[in-house]
Amino acid sequence: MKFYLSSFKIGSEEQKLKEITKNGNKKVAYINNALDFATDLERRNKSDAKDISDLERLGFAVDTLDLKQYFHNSVELEKRLDHYDVLWARGGNSFVLRQAMRLSGFAEIVKKYFTNNKDILYGGYSAGICNLGPTLKGIHLVDDPYLNPYGESDETIWEGLNILDYALVPHYKSDHKESKDIDRSITYMIDNKIPFKALKDGEVIIID
């Protein structure tokens, strides 16, 4: 399993993203559930369209994959995911995305892919990468952990997917509205001995 983990948008390693997916089918499942809390749908749609355009510009064929359609139906979700060689999770609220991952079974599917070293790439940015570590504690100083757009459970999910043994902290020292809060997140992680890697916007961690 490969990973392309960007702080913001595609970042500065476009050519590397093309290279590490050159033998795949170039089909991308674009997961936008991190914005399921949003009420400004016009703004959300424009942001999604820009993300999709950026991926298509690199030669990918992009389908939007709404995890809500697969809540409590992970069998069908796994069948759908078999059609793609890239799973791309966009930014938004890390806790909302984590809820959608659990309710759809996406979390367990991706962990199985990782354990079995499936030939697939997980990519994304901001909230889309924060879920890969052991915990979302620290990120709660940036993203509201109590948003509940699905009405399924009031329980905040603090555990990450534990695919990485460190937390990812995007937007570090960047020209981003969340950068000041990210400083607080890093202080929290240091104080609580949570291992982490911080990324400035434009930076990418690639695991292939």
Protein backbone atom coordinates (compact mmCIF):
# COMPACT_ATOMS: atom_id res chain seq x y z
CA MET A 1 0.00 0.00 0.00
CA LYS A 2 1.24 3.46 -0.89
CA PHE A 3 0.55 6.83 0.67
CA TYR A 4 0.64 10.39 -0.63
CA LEU A 5 -0.01 12.62 2.36
CA SER A 6 -0.21 16.34 1.70
CA SER A 7 -0.68 19.24 4.07
CA PHE A 8 -2.91 21.15 1.64
CA LYS A 9 -4.36 20.24 -1.74
CA ILE A 10 -2.01 18.16 -3.93
CA GLY A 11 1.11 19.91 -2.73
CA SER A 12 4.51 20.11 -4.36
CA GLU A 13 5.03 16.51 -5.47
CA GLU A 14 2.67 16.25 -8.43
CA GLN A 15 5.21 14.44 -10.59
CA LYS A 16 5.89 11.91 -7.87
CA LEU A 17 2.15 11.28 -7.51
CA LYS A 18 1.96 10.56 -11.23
CA GLU A 19 5.00 8.29 -11.08
CA ILE A 20 3.85 6.12 -8.18
CA THR A 21 0.46 5.57 -9.82
CA LYS A 22 1.67 5.09 -13.41
CA ASN A 23 0.97 1.35 -13.40
CA GLY A 24 -2.54 1.67 -12.01
CA ASN A 25 -5.87 2.31 -13.69
CA LYS A 26 -5.75 6.05 -12.83
CA LYS A 27 -9.21 5.81 -11.25
CA VAL A 28 -9.65 7.92 -8.11
CA ALA A 29 -12.33 7.61 -5.44
CA TYR A 30 -12.64 11.19 -4.19
CA ILE A 31 -13.93 11.15 -0.60
CA ASN A 32 -15.37 14.48 0.52
CA ASN A 33 -17.15 13.49 3.75
CA ALA A 34 -14.89 15.68 5.88
CA LEU A 35 -17.16 18.53 4.75
CA ASP A 36 -20.46 16.86 5.63
CA PHE A 37 -20.98 19.44 8.36
CA ALA A 38 -20.88 22.34 5.89
CA THR A 39 -23.98 24.47 5.35
CA ASP A 40 -22.63 26.63 2.50
CA LEU A 41 -23.19 24.10 -0.24
CA GLU A 42 -22.18 26.43 -3.06
CA ARG A 43 -18.79 27.02 -1.48
CA ARG A 44 -18.38 23.32 -0.76
CA ASN A 45 -19.22 22.35 -4.33
CA LYS A 46 -16.73 24.86 -5.72
CA SER A 47 -14.01 23.52 -3.44
CA ASP A 48 -14.75 19.93 -4.47
CA ALA A 49 -14.74 20.92 -8.14
CA LYS A 50 -11.31 22.53 -7.77
CA ASP A 51 -9.91 19.41 -6.08
CA ILE A 52 -11.33 17.16 -8.77
CA SER A 53 -10.01 19.44 -11.53
CA ASP A 54 -6.53 19.33 -9.98
CA LEU A 55 -6.56 15.52 -10.02
CA GLU A 56 -7.96 15.33 -13.55
CA ARG A 57 -5.23 17.67 -14.73
CA LEU A 58 -2.74 14.99 -13.67
CA GLY A 59 -4.49 12.39 -15.80
CA PHE A 60 -6.76 10.78 -13.22
CA ALA A 61 -10.37 9.76 -13.77
CA VAL A 62 -12.22 10.92 -10.65
CA ASP A 63 -15.46 9.66 -9.11
CA THR A 64 -16.93 11.21 -6.00
CA LEU A 65 -17.42 8.52 -3.36
CA ASP A 66 -19.92 9.47 -0.66
CA LEU A 67 -19.35 7.21 2.33
CA LYS A 68 -22.86 8.02 3.61
CA GLN A 69 -24.24 5.81 0.85
CA TYR A 70 -22.49 2.86 2.48
CA PHE A 71 -23.29 3.38 6.15
CA HIS A 72 -23.75 -0.09 7.70
CA ASN A 73 -22.99 -1.67 4.32
CA SER A 74 -19.25 -2.23 4.23
CA VAL A 75 -19.56 -5.24 1.93
CA GLU A 76 -20.86 -3.08 -0.91
CA LEU A 77 -18.31 -0.39 -0.14
CA GLU A 78 -15.44 -2.83 -0.47
CA LYS A 79 -16.82 -4.02 -3.81
CA ARG A 80 -16.93 -0.40 -4.97
CA LEU A 81 -13.39 0.33 -3.79
CA ASP A 82 -12.06 -2.56 -5.87
CA HIS A 83 -12.57 -0.39 -8.96
CA TYR A 84 -10.00 2.20 -7.88
CA ASP A 85 -6.27 2.36 -7.41
CA VAL A 86 -6.33 5.72 -5.61
CA LEU A 87 -8.42 6.69 -2.58
CA TRP A 88 -8.26 10.45 -2.06
CA ALA A 89 -9.67 12.03 1.12
CA ARG A 90 -9.99 15.80 1.15
CA GLY A 91 -9.74 18.23 4.04
CA GLY A 92 -12.47 19.48 6.33
CA ASN A 93 -13.23 18.24 9.83
CA SER A 94 -11.13 15.26 10.92
CA PHE A 95 -13.70 14.04 13.44
CA VAL A 96 -16.58 14.12 10.94
CA LEU A 97 -14.50 12.15 8.46
CA ARG A 98 -13.57 9.66 11.18
CA GLN A 99 -17.27 9.11 11.95
CA ALA A 100 -18.01 8.49 8.27
CA MET A 101 -15.09 6.08 8.05
CA ARG A 102 -16.42 4.03 10.96
CA LEU A 103 -20.10 4.04 9.97
CA SER A 104 -19.33 2.92 6.42
CA GLY A 105 -16.70 0.37 7.35
CA PHE A 106 -14.10 2.32 5.36
CA ALA A 107 -11.76 2.40 8.36
CA GLU A 108 -11.59 -1.38 8.66
CA ILE A 109 -11.27 -1.83 4.90
CA VAL A 110 -8.29 0.51 4.69
CA LYS A 111 -6.65 -1.12 7.70
CA LYS A 112 -7.07 -4.49 5.97
CA TYR A 113 -5.56 -3.07 2.78
CA PHE A 114 -2.58 -1.89 4.82
CA THR A 115 -2.12 -5.22 6.60
CA ASN A 116 -2.31 -7.10 3.30
CA ASN A 117 -0.17 -4.52 1.46
CA LYS A 118 -2.80 -4.15 -1.23
CA ASP A 119 -1.68 -2.42 -4.43
CA ILE A 120 -3.59 0.79 -3.81
CA LEU A 121 -2.69 4.36 -2.89
CA TYR A 122 -4.25 6.36 -0.08
CA GLY A 123 -3.84 10.07 -0.64
CA GLY A 124 -5.33 13.29 0.55
CA TYR A 125 -4.73 16.39 2.57
CA SER A 126 -5.48 18.06 5.89
CA ALA A 127 -8.32 16.15 7.62
CA GLY A 128 -7.90 13.44 5.01
CA ILE A 129 -4.49 12.52 6.43
CA CYS A 130 -5.01 13.27 10.13
CA ASN A 131 -7.00 10.06 10.63
CA LEU A 132 -4.09 7.76 9.76
CA GLY A 133 -2.24 8.17 13.07
CA PRO A 134 -2.93 6.68 16.49
CA THR A 135 -5.08 9.51 17.83
CA LEU A 136 -6.95 12.70 16.97
CA LYS A 137 -6.13 14.27 20.31
CA GLY A 138 -4.42 17.57 19.62
CA ILE A 139 -6.36 18.01 16.40
CA HIS A 140 -9.36 18.83 18.62
CA LEU A 141 -7.77 22.25 19.14
CA VAL A 142 -8.28 22.92 15.41
CA ASP A 143 -11.33 20.85 14.42
CA ASP A 144 -14.52 20.73 16.49
CA PRO A 145 -14.65 17.16 17.86
CA TYR A 146 -18.35 17.34 18.71
CA LEU A 147 -19.88 17.92 15.30
CA ASN A 148 -22.38 15.18 14.54
CA PRO A 149 -23.90 15.58 11.07
CA TYR A 150 -25.03 11.95 10.86
CA GLY A 151 -27.23 11.69 13.92
CA GLU A 152 -26.03 8.14 14.51
CA SER A 153 -24.03 8.63 17.68
CA ASP A 154 -23.00 11.42 20.00
CA GLU A 155 -19.73 9.66 20.75
CA THR A 156 -16.60 11.42 19.55
CA ILE A 157 -14.08 9.02 18.03
CA TRP A 158 -10.65 9.93 19.34
CA GLU A 159 -8.72 6.97 17.95
CA GLY A 160 -7.11 7.19 14.56
CA LEU A 161 -6.68 4.27 12.19
CA ASN A 162 -3.27 3.41 13.67
CA ILE A 163 -1.81 2.87 10.23
CA LEU A 164 0.94 5.35 11.08
CA ASP A 165 2.56 5.31 14.51
CA TYR A 166 2.64 9.10 14.63
CA ALA A 167 0.10 11.88 14.23
CA LEU A 168 0.13 14.10 11.16
CA VAL A 169 -0.23 17.82 11.75
CA PRO A 170 -0.92 19.87 8.59
CA HIS A 171 -0.73 23.63 7.94
CA TYR A 172 2.29 24.13 10.19
CA LYS A 173 3.78 27.65 9.91
CA SER A 174 1.74 28.23 6.74
CA ASP A 175 -0.39 30.93 5.24
CA HIS A 176 -3.52 29.10 6.35
CA LYS A 177 -6.29 30.23 8.67
CA GLU A 178 -5.68 27.24 10.96
CA SER A 179 -1.92 27.67 11.34
CA LYS A 180 -2.09 29.46 14.71
CA ASP A 181 -4.30 26.73 16.14
CA ILE A 182 -1.87 24.14 14.76
CA ASP A 183 0.82 25.63 17.00
CA ARG A 184 -1.44 24.86 19.96
CA SER A 185 -1.94 21.31 18.65
CA ILE A 186 1.79 20.73 18.51
CA THR A 187 2.26 22.07 22.03
CA TYR A 188 -0.47 19.69 23.21
CA MET A 189 1.17 16.72 21.47
CA ILE A 190 4.57 17.53 22.94
CA ASP A 191 3.10 17.93 26.43
CA ASN A 192 1.20 14.65 26.11
CA LYS A 193 4.06 12.75 24.49
CA ILE A 194 2.15 12.07 21.27
CA PRO A 195 4.63 11.42 18.43
CA PHE A 196 3.89 13.59 15.41
CA LYS A 197 5.16 14.96 12.14
CA ALA A 198 4.24 18.51 11.15
CA LEU A 199 3.84 19.52 7.52
CA LYS A 200 3.88 22.99 6.04
CA ASP A 201 1.45 23.64 3.20
CA GLY A 202 3.07 22.36 0.04
CA GLU A 203 4.92 19.59 1.86
CA VAL A 204 4.05 15.94 1.24
CA ILE A 205 4.97 12.67 2.94
CA ILE A 206 5.25 9.85 0.41
CA ILE A 207 5.38 6.21 1.47
CA ASP A 208 5.79 3.80 -1.41
